[in-house]
Full PDB file with SEQRES, HELIX, SHEET, SSBOND, CRYST1, ORIGX, SCALE, CONECT and MASTER records, all heavy atoms in Angstrom:
SEQRES   1 A   31  ALA LYS GLU ALA ALA LEU SER TYR ARG VAL ILE GLY HIS          
SEQRES   2 A   31  SER ASP ARG TYR HIS LEU LEU GLU VAL ASN LEU GLU THR          
SEQRES   3 A   31  GLY ARG LYS HIS GLN                                          
SHEET    1 AA1 2 LEU A   6  HIS A  13  0                                        
SHEET    2 AA1 2 HIS A  18  LEU A  24 -1                                        
CRYST1    1.000    1.000    1.000  90.00  90.00  90.00 P 1           1          
ORIGX1      1.000000  0.000000  0.000000        0.00000                         
ORIGX2      0.000000  1.000000  0.000000        0.00000                         
ORIGX3      0.000000  0.000000  1.000000        0.00000                         
SCALE1      1.000000  0.000000  0.000000        0.00000                         
SCALE2      0.000000  1.000000  0.000000        0.00000                         
SCALE3      0.000000  0.000000  1.000000        0.00000                         
ATOM      1  N   ALA A   1      91.980 278.541 165.225  1.00  0.00           N  
ATOM      2  CA  ALA A   1      92.796 278.997 166.352  1.00  0.00           C  
ATOM      3  C   ALA A   1      93.626 280.208 165.940  1.00  0.00           C  
ATOM      4  O   ALA A   1      94.047 280.333 164.789  1.00  0.00           O  
ATOM      5  CB  ALA A   1      93.712 277.880 166.835  1.00  0.00           C  
ATOM      6  N   LYS A   2      93.878 281.109 166.897  1.00  0.00           N  
ATOM      7  CA  LYS A   2      94.655 282.316 166.642  1.00  0.00           C  
ATOM      8  C   LYS A   2      96.009 282.231 167.336  1.00  0.00           C  
ATOM      9  O   LYS A   2      96.106 281.736 168.461  1.00  0.00           O  
ATOM     10  CB  LYS A   2      93.899 283.546 167.139  1.00  0.00           C  
ATOM     11  CG  LYS A   2      92.575 283.785 166.418  1.00  0.00           C  
ATOM     12  CD  LYS A   2      91.860 285.008 166.977  1.00  0.00           C  
ATOM     13  CE  LYS A   2      90.548 285.257 166.241  1.00  0.00           C  
ATOM     14  NZ  LYS A   2      89.822 286.437 166.785  1.00  0.00           N  
ATOM     15  N   GLU A   3      97.027 282.709 166.645  1.00  0.00           N  
ATOM     16  CA  GLU A   3      98.362 282.681 167.246  1.00  0.00           C  
ATOM     17  C   GLU A   3      98.416 283.609 168.452  1.00  0.00           C  
ATOM     18  O   GLU A   3      97.890 284.718 168.423  1.00  0.00           O  
ATOM     19  CB  GLU A   3      99.419 283.096 166.217  1.00  0.00           C  
ATOM     20  CG  GLU A   3     100.833 282.942 166.742  1.00  0.00           C  
ATOM     21  CD  GLU A   3     101.891 283.282 165.703  1.00  0.00           C  
ATOM     22  OE1 GLU A   3     102.150 284.499 165.519  1.00  0.00           O  
ATOM     23  OE2 GLU A   3     102.424 282.355 165.075  1.00  0.00           O  
ATOM     24  N   ALA A   4      99.058 283.156 169.507  1.00  0.00           N  
ATOM     25  CA  ALA A   4      99.210 283.939 170.731  1.00  0.00           C  
ATOM     26  C   ALA A   4     100.658 283.869 171.177  1.00  0.00           C  
ATOM     27  O   ALA A   4     101.262 282.794 171.189  1.00  0.00           O  
ATOM     28  CB  ALA A   4      98.292 283.407 171.828  1.00  0.00           C  
ATOM     29  N   ALA A   5     101.212 285.019 171.551  1.00  0.00           N  
ATOM     30  CA  ALA A   5     102.613 285.056 171.981  1.00  0.00           C  
ATOM     31  C   ALA A   5     102.757 285.946 173.203  1.00  0.00           C  
ATOM     32  O   ALA A   5     102.091 286.985 173.324  1.00  0.00           O  
ATOM     33  CB  ALA A   5     103.506 285.570 170.855  1.00  0.00           C  
ATOM     34  N   LEU A   6     103.608 285.502 174.112  1.00  0.00           N  
ATOM     35  CA  LEU A   6     103.973 286.302 175.278  1.00  0.00           C  
ATOM     36  C   LEU A   6     105.394 285.948 175.685  1.00  0.00           C  
ATOM     37  O   LEU A   6     105.934 284.916 175.283  1.00  0.00           O  
ATOM     38  CB  LEU A   6     103.000 286.077 176.444  1.00  0.00           C  
ATOM     39  CG  LEU A   6     102.869 284.668 177.068  1.00  0.00           C  
ATOM     40  CD1 LEU A   6     104.028 284.312 177.997  1.00  0.00           C  
ATOM     41  CD2 LEU A   6     101.556 284.572 177.833  1.00  0.00           C  
ATOM     42  N   SER A   7     105.986 286.805 176.477  1.00  0.00           N  
ATOM     43  CA  SER A   7     107.281 286.497 177.084  1.00  0.00           C  
ATOM     44  C   SER A   7     107.141 286.641 178.589  1.00  0.00           C  
ATOM     45  O   SER A   7     106.336 287.435 179.080  1.00  0.00           O  
ATOM     46  CB  SER A   7     108.379 287.419 176.558  1.00  0.00           C  
ATOM     47  OG  SER A   7     108.070 288.773 176.826  1.00  0.00           O  
ATOM     48  N   TYR A   8     107.904 285.835 179.326  1.00  0.00           N  
ATOM     49  CA  TYR A   8     107.861 285.916 180.783  1.00  0.00           C  
ATOM     50  C   TYR A   8     109.270 285.811 181.336  1.00  0.00           C  
ATOM     51  O   TYR A   8     110.190 285.337 180.672  1.00  0.00           O  
ATOM     52  CB  TYR A   8     106.987 284.796 181.370  1.00  0.00           C  
ATOM     53  CG  TYR A   8     107.650 283.434 181.335  1.00  0.00           C  
ATOM     54  CD1 TYR A   8     108.563 283.046 182.325  1.00  0.00           C  
ATOM     55  CD2 TYR A   8     107.385 282.539 180.308  1.00  0.00           C  
ATOM     56  CE1 TYR A   8     109.200 281.812 182.277  1.00  0.00           C  
ATOM     57  CE2 TYR A   8     108.014 281.306 180.253  1.00  0.00           C  
ATOM     58  CZ  TYR A   8     108.927 280.951 181.239  1.00  0.00           C  
ATOM     59  OH  TYR A   8     109.563 279.734 181.194  1.00  0.00           O  
ATOM     60  N   ARG A   9     109.408 286.254 182.574  1.00  0.00           N  
ATOM     61  CA  ARG A   9     110.625 285.986 183.324  1.00  0.00           C  
ATOM     62  C   ARG A   9     110.247 285.848 184.794  1.00  0.00           C  
ATOM     63  O   ARG A   9     109.319 286.511 185.271  1.00  0.00           O  
ATOM     64  CB  ARG A   9     111.672 287.094 183.133  1.00  0.00           C  
ATOM     65  CG  ARG A   9     111.283 288.464 183.649  1.00  0.00           C  
ATOM     66  CD  ARG A   9     112.315 289.516 183.260  1.00  0.00           C  
ATOM     67  NE  ARG A   9     111.973 290.820 183.816  1.00  0.00           N  
ATOM     68  CZ  ARG A   9     112.543 291.356 184.896  1.00  0.00           C  
ATOM     69  NH1 ARG A   9     113.503 290.689 185.530  1.00  0.00           N  
ATOM     70  NH2 ARG A   9     112.187 292.544 185.339  1.00  0.00           N  
ATOM     71  N   VAL A  10     110.924 284.961 185.489  1.00  0.00           N  
ATOM     72  CA  VAL A  10     110.682 284.772 186.915  1.00  0.00           C  
ATOM     73  C   VAL A  10     111.416 285.866 187.673  1.00  0.00           C  
ATOM     74  O   VAL A  10     112.629 286.044 187.510  1.00  0.00           O  
ATOM     75  CB  VAL A  10     111.169 283.385 187.374  1.00  0.00           C  
ATOM     76  CG1 VAL A  10     110.912 283.203 188.873  1.00  0.00           C  
ATOM     77  CG2 VAL A  10     110.480 282.274 186.585  1.00  0.00           C  
ATOM     78  N   ILE A  11     110.678 286.625 188.485  1.00  0.00           N  
ATOM     79  CA  ILE A  11     111.302 287.751 189.193  1.00  0.00           C  
ATOM     80  C   ILE A  11     111.265 287.578 190.707  1.00  0.00           C  
ATOM     81  O   ILE A  11     111.782 288.428 191.438  1.00  0.00           O  
ATOM     82  CB  ILE A  11     110.645 289.094 188.809  1.00  0.00           C  
ATOM     83  CG1 ILE A  11     109.155 289.107 189.136  1.00  0.00           C  
ATOM     84  CG2 ILE A  11     110.881 289.406 187.335  1.00  0.00           C  
ATOM     85  CD1 ILE A  11     108.504 290.478 188.956  1.00  0.00           C  
ATOM     86  N   GLY A  12     110.656 286.491 191.204  1.00  0.00           N  
ATOM     87  CA  GLY A  12     110.622 286.305 192.643  1.00  0.00           C  
ATOM     88  C   GLY A  12     110.209 284.906 193.040  1.00  0.00           C  
ATOM     89  O   GLY A  12     109.595 284.173 192.258  1.00  0.00           O  
ATOM     90  N   HIS A  13     110.571 284.530 194.257  1.00  0.00           N  
ATOM     91  CA  HIS A  13     110.208 283.225 194.817  1.00  0.00           C  
ATOM     92  C   HIS A  13     109.790 283.414 196.263  1.00  0.00           C  
ATOM     93  O   HIS A  13     110.288 284.302 196.953  1.00  0.00           O  
ATOM     94  CB  HIS A  13     111.388 282.258 194.774  1.00  0.00           C  
ATOM     95  CG  HIS A  13     111.940 282.008 193.410  1.00  0.00           C  
ATOM     96  ND1 HIS A  13     111.396 281.079 192.543  1.00  0.00           N  
ATOM     97  CD2 HIS A  13     112.992 282.567 192.760  1.00  0.00           C  
ATOM     98  CE1 HIS A  13     112.099 281.080 191.418  1.00  0.00           C  
ATOM     99  NE2 HIS A  13     113.065 281.975 191.522  1.00  0.00           N  
ATOM    100  N   SER A  14     108.882 282.556 196.717  1.00  0.00           N  
ATOM    101  CA  SER A  14     108.612 282.417 198.148  1.00  0.00           C  
ATOM    102  C   SER A  14     108.836 280.952 198.488  1.00  0.00           C  
ATOM    103  O   SER A  14     109.371 280.186 197.685  1.00  0.00           O  
ATOM    104  CB  SER A  14     107.182 282.861 198.469  1.00  0.00           C  
ATOM    105  OG  SER A  14     106.247 281.893 198.021  1.00  0.00           O  
ATOM    106  N   ASP A  15     108.417 280.550 199.682  1.00  0.00           N  
ATOM    107  CA  ASP A  15     108.595 279.153 200.068  1.00  0.00           C  
ATOM    108  C   ASP A  15     107.860 278.205 199.127  1.00  0.00           C  
ATOM    109  O   ASP A  15     108.335 277.113 198.841  1.00  0.00           O  
ATOM    110  CB  ASP A  15     108.080 278.927 201.499  1.00  0.00           C  
ATOM    111  CG  ASP A  15     108.852 279.763 202.516  1.00  0.00           C  
ATOM    112  OD1 ASP A  15     109.999 280.140 202.218  1.00  0.00           O  
ATOM    113  OD2 ASP A  15     108.298 280.040 203.603  1.00  0.00           O  
ATOM    114  N   ARG A  16     106.673 278.649 198.663  1.00  0.00           N  
ATOM    115  CA  ARG A  16     105.832 277.747 197.860  1.00  0.00           C  
ATOM    116  C   ARG A  16     105.394 278.309 196.514  1.00  0.00           C  
ATOM    117  O   ARG A  16     104.785 277.581 195.716  1.00  0.00           O  
ATOM    118  CB  ARG A  16     104.573 277.385 198.660  1.00  0.00           C  
ATOM    119  CG  ARG A  16     104.821 276.529 199.893  1.00  0.00           C  
ATOM    120  CD  ARG A  16     103.524 276.272 200.629  1.00  0.00           C  
ATOM    121  NE  ARG A  16     102.970 277.510 201.197  1.00  0.00           N  
ATOM    122  CZ  ARG A  16     101.728 277.643 201.617  1.00  0.00           C  
ATOM    123  NH1 ARG A  16     100.870 276.636 201.509  1.00  0.00           N  
ATOM    124  NH2 ARG A  16     101.313 278.789 202.141  1.00  0.00           N  
ATOM    125  N   TYR A  17     105.695 279.566 196.255  1.00  0.00           N  
ATOM    126  CA  TYR A  17     105.171 280.200 195.047  1.00  0.00           C  
ATOM    127  C   TYR A  17     106.267 280.923 194.275  1.00  0.00           C  
ATOM    128  O   TYR A  17     107.366 281.155 194.790  1.00  0.00           O  
ATOM    129  CB  TYR A  17     104.054 281.196 195.415  1.00  0.00           C  
ATOM    130  CG  TYR A  17     102.876 280.556 196.106  1.00  0.00           C  
ATOM    131  CD1 TYR A  17     102.710 280.671 197.488  1.00  0.00           C  
ATOM    132  CD2 TYR A  17     101.955 279.838 195.383  1.00  0.00           C  
ATOM    133  CE1 TYR A  17     101.627 280.084 198.125  1.00  0.00           C  
ATOM    134  CE2 TYR A  17     100.861 279.238 196.015  1.00  0.00           C  
ATOM    135  CZ  TYR A  17     100.705 279.364 197.384  1.00  0.00           C  
ATOM    136  OH  TYR A  17      99.647 278.772 198.003  1.00  0.00           O  
ATOM    137  N   HIS A  18     105.908 281.302 193.053  1.00  0.00           N  
ATOM    138  CA  HIS A  18     106.858 281.955 192.154  1.00  0.00           C  
ATOM    139  C   HIS A  18     106.165 283.145 191.494  1.00  0.00           C  
ATOM    140  O   HIS A  18     104.992 283.059 191.113  1.00  0.00           O  
ATOM    141  CB  HIS A  18     107.347 280.961 191.102  1.00  0.00           C  
ATOM    142  CG  HIS A  18     107.816 279.673 191.703  1.00  0.00           C  
ATOM    143  ND1 HIS A  18     109.088 279.499 192.183  1.00  0.00           N  
ATOM    144  CD2 HIS A  18     107.139 278.521 191.972  1.00  0.00           C  
ATOM    145  CE1 HIS A  18     109.205 278.281 192.693  1.00  0.00           C  
ATOM    146  NE2 HIS A  18     108.036 277.670 192.580  1.00  0.00           N  
ATOM    147  N   LEU A  19     106.871 284.248 191.390  1.00  0.00           N  
ATOM    148  CA  LEU A  19     106.329 285.478 190.803  1.00  0.00           C  
ATOM    149  C   LEU A  19     106.902 285.655 189.410  1.00  0.00           C  
ATOM    150  O   LEU A  19     108.120 285.705 189.228  1.00  0.00           O  
ATOM    151  CB  LEU A  19     106.685 286.680 191.679  1.00  0.00           C  
ATOM    152  CG  LEU A  19     106.184 288.049 191.203  1.00  0.00           C  
ATOM    153  CD1 LEU A  19     104.655 288.097 191.198  1.00  0.00           C  
ATOM    154  CD2 LEU A  19     106.747 289.164 192.087  1.00  0.00           C  
ATOM    155  N   LEU A  20     106.013 285.744 188.418  1.00  0.00           N  
ATOM    156  CA  LEU A  20     106.420 285.901 187.035  1.00  0.00           C  
ATOM    157  C   LEU A  20     105.988 287.267 186.512  1.00  0.00           C  
ATOM    158  O   LEU A  20     104.872 287.730 186.804  1.00  0.00           O  
ATOM    159  CB  LEU A  20     105.772 284.826 186.144  1.00  0.00           C  
ATOM    160  CG  LEU A  20     106.403 283.436 186.097  1.00  0.00           C  
ATOM    161  CD1 LEU A  20     106.429 282.779 187.476  1.00  0.00           C  
ATOM    162  CD2 LEU A  20     105.656 282.551 185.106  1.00  0.00           C  
ATOM    163  N   GLU A  21     106.868 287.894 185.744  1.00  0.00           N  
ATOM    164  CA  GLU A  21     106.511 289.105 185.012  1.00  0.00           C  
ATOM    165  C   GLU A  21     106.232 288.702 183.575  1.00  0.00           C  
ATOM    166  O   GLU A  21     107.044 288.017 182.948  1.00  0.00           O  
ATOM    167  CB  GLU A  21     107.653 290.111 185.070  1.00  0.00           C  
ATOM    168  CG  GLU A  21     107.331 291.434 184.391  1.00  0.00           C  
ATOM    169  CD  GLU A  21     108.446 292.451 184.585  1.00  0.00           C  
ATOM    170  OE1 GLU A  21     109.397 292.426 183.777  1.00  0.00           O  
ATOM    171  OE2 GLU A  21     108.376 293.224 185.554  1.00  0.00           O  
ATOM    172  N   VAL A  22     105.084 289.112 183.057  1.00  0.00           N  
ATOM    173  CA  VAL A  22     104.619 288.669 181.745  1.00  0.00           C  
ATOM    174  C   VAL A  22     104.363 289.877 180.856  1.00  0.00           C  
ATOM    175  O   VAL A  22     103.701 290.836 181.273  1.00  0.00           O  
ATOM    176  CB  VAL A  22     103.327 287.832 181.867  1.00  0.00           C  
ATOM    177  CG1 VAL A  22     102.843 287.393 180.490  1.00  0.00           C  
ATOM    178  CG2 VAL A  22     103.550 286.623 182.767  1.00  0.00           C  
ATOM    179  N   ASN A  23     104.865 289.817 179.635  1.00  0.00           N  
ATOM    180  CA  ASN A  23     104.588 290.842 178.633  1.00  0.00           C  
ATOM    181  C   ASN A  23     103.868 290.205 177.448  1.00  0.00           C  
ATOM    182  O   ASN A  23     104.362 289.245 176.849  1.00  0.00           O  
ATOM    183  CB  ASN A  23     105.884 291.508 178.165  1.00  0.00           C  
ATOM    184  CG  ASN A  23     106.468 292.422 179.224  1.00  0.00           C  
ATOM    185  OD1 ASN A  23     105.877 293.436 179.576  1.00  0.00           O  
ATOM    186  ND2 ASN A  23     107.626 292.052 179.756  1.00  0.00           N  
ATOM    187  N   LEU A  24     102.697 290.742 177.148  1.00  0.00           N  
ATOM    188  CA  LEU A  24     101.888 290.218 176.047  1.00  0.00           C  
ATOM    189  C   LEU A  24     102.323 290.787 174.702  1.00  0.00           C  
ATOM    190  O   LEU A  24     102.596 291.984 174.594  1.00  0.00           O  
ATOM    191  CB  LEU A  24     100.417 290.562 176.260  1.00  0.00           C  
ATOM    192  CG  LEU A  24      99.644 289.764 177.308  1.00  0.00           C  
ATOM    193  CD1 LEU A  24      98.241 290.326 177.438  1.00  0.00           C  
ATOM    194  CD2 LEU A  24      99.589 288.306 176.935  1.00  0.00           C  
ATOM    195  N   GLU A  25     102.355 289.941 173.702  1.00  0.00           N  
ATOM    196  CA  GLU A  25     102.549 290.399 172.324  1.00  0.00           C  
ATOM    197  C   GLU A  25     101.224 290.399 171.562  1.00  0.00           C  
ATOM    198  O   GLU A  25     101.078 291.112 170.566  1.00  0.00           O  
ATOM    199  CB  GLU A  25     103.557 289.505 171.620  1.00  0.00           C  
ATOM    200  CG  GLU A  25     104.952 289.540 172.237  1.00  0.00           C  
ATOM    201  CD  GLU A  25     105.922 288.620 171.531  1.00  0.00           C  
ATOM    202  OE1 GLU A  25     105.716 288.348 170.326  1.00  0.00           O  
ATOM    203  OE2 GLU A  25     106.875 288.155 172.183  1.00  0.00           O  
ATOM    204  N   THR A  26     100.283 289.576 172.008  1.00  0.00           N  
ATOM    205  CA  THR A  26      98.949 289.516 171.407  1.00  0.00           C  
ATOM    206  C   THR A  26      97.930 289.600 172.538  1.00  0.00           C  
ATOM    207  O   THR A  26      98.284 289.512 173.705  1.00  0.00           O  
ATOM    208  CB  THR A  26      98.746 288.205 170.625  1.00  0.00           C  
ATOM    209  OG1 THR A  26      99.028 287.098 171.494  1.00  0.00           O  
ATOM    210  CG2 THR A  26      99.671 288.138 169.419  1.00  0.00           C  
ATOM    211  N   GLY A  27      96.676 289.755 172.186  1.00  0.00           N  
ATOM    212  CA  GLY A  27      95.644 289.901 173.210  1.00  0.00           C  
ATOM    213  C   GLY A  27      94.510 288.917 173.009  1.00  0.00           C  
ATOM    214  O   GLY A  27      93.410 289.304 172.626  1.00  0.00           O  
ATOM    215  N   ARG A  28      94.768 287.646 173.243  1.00  0.00           N  
ATOM    216  CA  ARG A  28      93.743 286.610 173.081  1.00  0.00           C  
ATOM    217  C   ARG A  28      92.988 286.377 174.394  1.00  0.00           C  
ATOM    218  O   ARG A  28      93.503 286.670 175.479  1.00  0.00           O  
ATOM    219  CB  ARG A  28      94.371 285.295 172.618  1.00  0.00           C  
ATOM    220  CG  ARG A  28      95.286 285.418 171.422  1.00  0.00           C  
ATOM    221  CD  ARG A  28      94.617 286.077 170.239  1.00  0.00           C  
ATOM    222  NE  ARG A  28      95.529 286.138 169.098  1.00  0.00           N  
ATOM    223  CZ  ARG A  28      95.393 286.958 168.069  1.00  0.00           C  
ATOM    224  NH1 ARG A  28      94.377 287.811 168.044  1.00  0.00           N  
ATOM    225  NH2 ARG A  28      96.252 286.932 167.072  1.00  0.00           N  
ATOM    226  N   LYS A  29      91.806 285.808 174.288  1.00  0.00           N  
ATOM    227  CA  LYS A  29      90.984 285.572 175.473  1.00  0.00           C  
ATOM    228  C   LYS A  29      91.674 284.600 176.432  1.00  0.00           C  
ATOM    229  O   LYS A  29      92.085 283.505 176.026  1.00  0.00           O  
ATOM    230  CB  LYS A  29      89.621 285.018 175.054  1.00  0.00           C  
ATOM    231  CG  LYS A  29      88.656 284.886 176.222  1.00  0.00           C  
ATOM    232  CD  LYS A  29      87.256 284.570 175.734  1.00  0.00           C  
ATOM    233  CE  LYS A  29      86.266 284.550 176.892  1.00  0.00           C  
ATOM    234  NZ  LYS A  29      84.884 284.338 176.445  1.00  0.00           N  
ATOM    235  N   HIS A  30      91.802 285.009 177.683  1.00  0.00           N  
ATOM    236  CA  HIS A  30      92.422 284.192 178.741  1.00  0.00           C  
ATOM    237  C   HIS A  30      93.859 283.786 178.383  1.00  0.00           C  
ATOM    238  O   HIS A  30      94.349 282.761 178.855  1.00  0.00           O  
ATOM    239  CB  HIS A  30      91.589 282.930 179.010  1.00  0.00           C  
ATOM    240  CG  HIS A  30      90.210 283.189 179.511  1.00  0.00           C  
ATOM    241  ND1 HIS A  30      89.298 282.182 179.763  1.00  0.00           N  
ATOM    242  CD2 HIS A  30      89.562 284.351 179.826  1.00  0.00           C  
ATOM    243  CE1 HIS A  30      88.150 282.699 180.193  1.00  0.00           C  
ATOM    244  NE2 HIS A  30      88.298 284.021 180.241  1.00  0.00           N  
ATOM    245  N   GLN A  31      94.528 284.607 177.580  1.00  0.00           N  
ATOM    246  CA  GLN A  31      95.812 284.189 177.015  1.00  0.00           C  
ATOM    247  C   GLN A  31      96.858 283.821 178.063  1.00  0.00           C  
ATOM    248  O   GLN A  31      97.465 282.745 177.998  1.00  0.00           O  
ATOM    249  CB  GLN A  31      96.373 285.288 176.105  1.00  0.00           C  
ATOM    250  CG  GLN A  31      97.714 284.902 175.486  1.00  0.00           C  
ATOM    251  CD  GLN A  31      98.277 285.959 174.575  1.00  0.00           C  
ATOM    252  OE1 GLN A  31      97.538 286.773 174.033  1.00  0.00           O  
ATOM    253  NE2 GLN A  31      99.590 285.964 174.402  1.00  0.00           N  
TER     254      GLN A  31                                                      
MASTER        0    0    0    0    2    0    0    6  253    1    0    3          
END                                                                             
C-alpha cells in the first residue's frame, strides 16, 4: 500500500448535500 494524503474543508451546504474543497498532497489511484 502507498501512503496517500489530502486536506479538505467544507465550503458549502444545500438542503441535502455538502460541498467540499479538496487539495491533494499525493496522487494515488481514485484517491
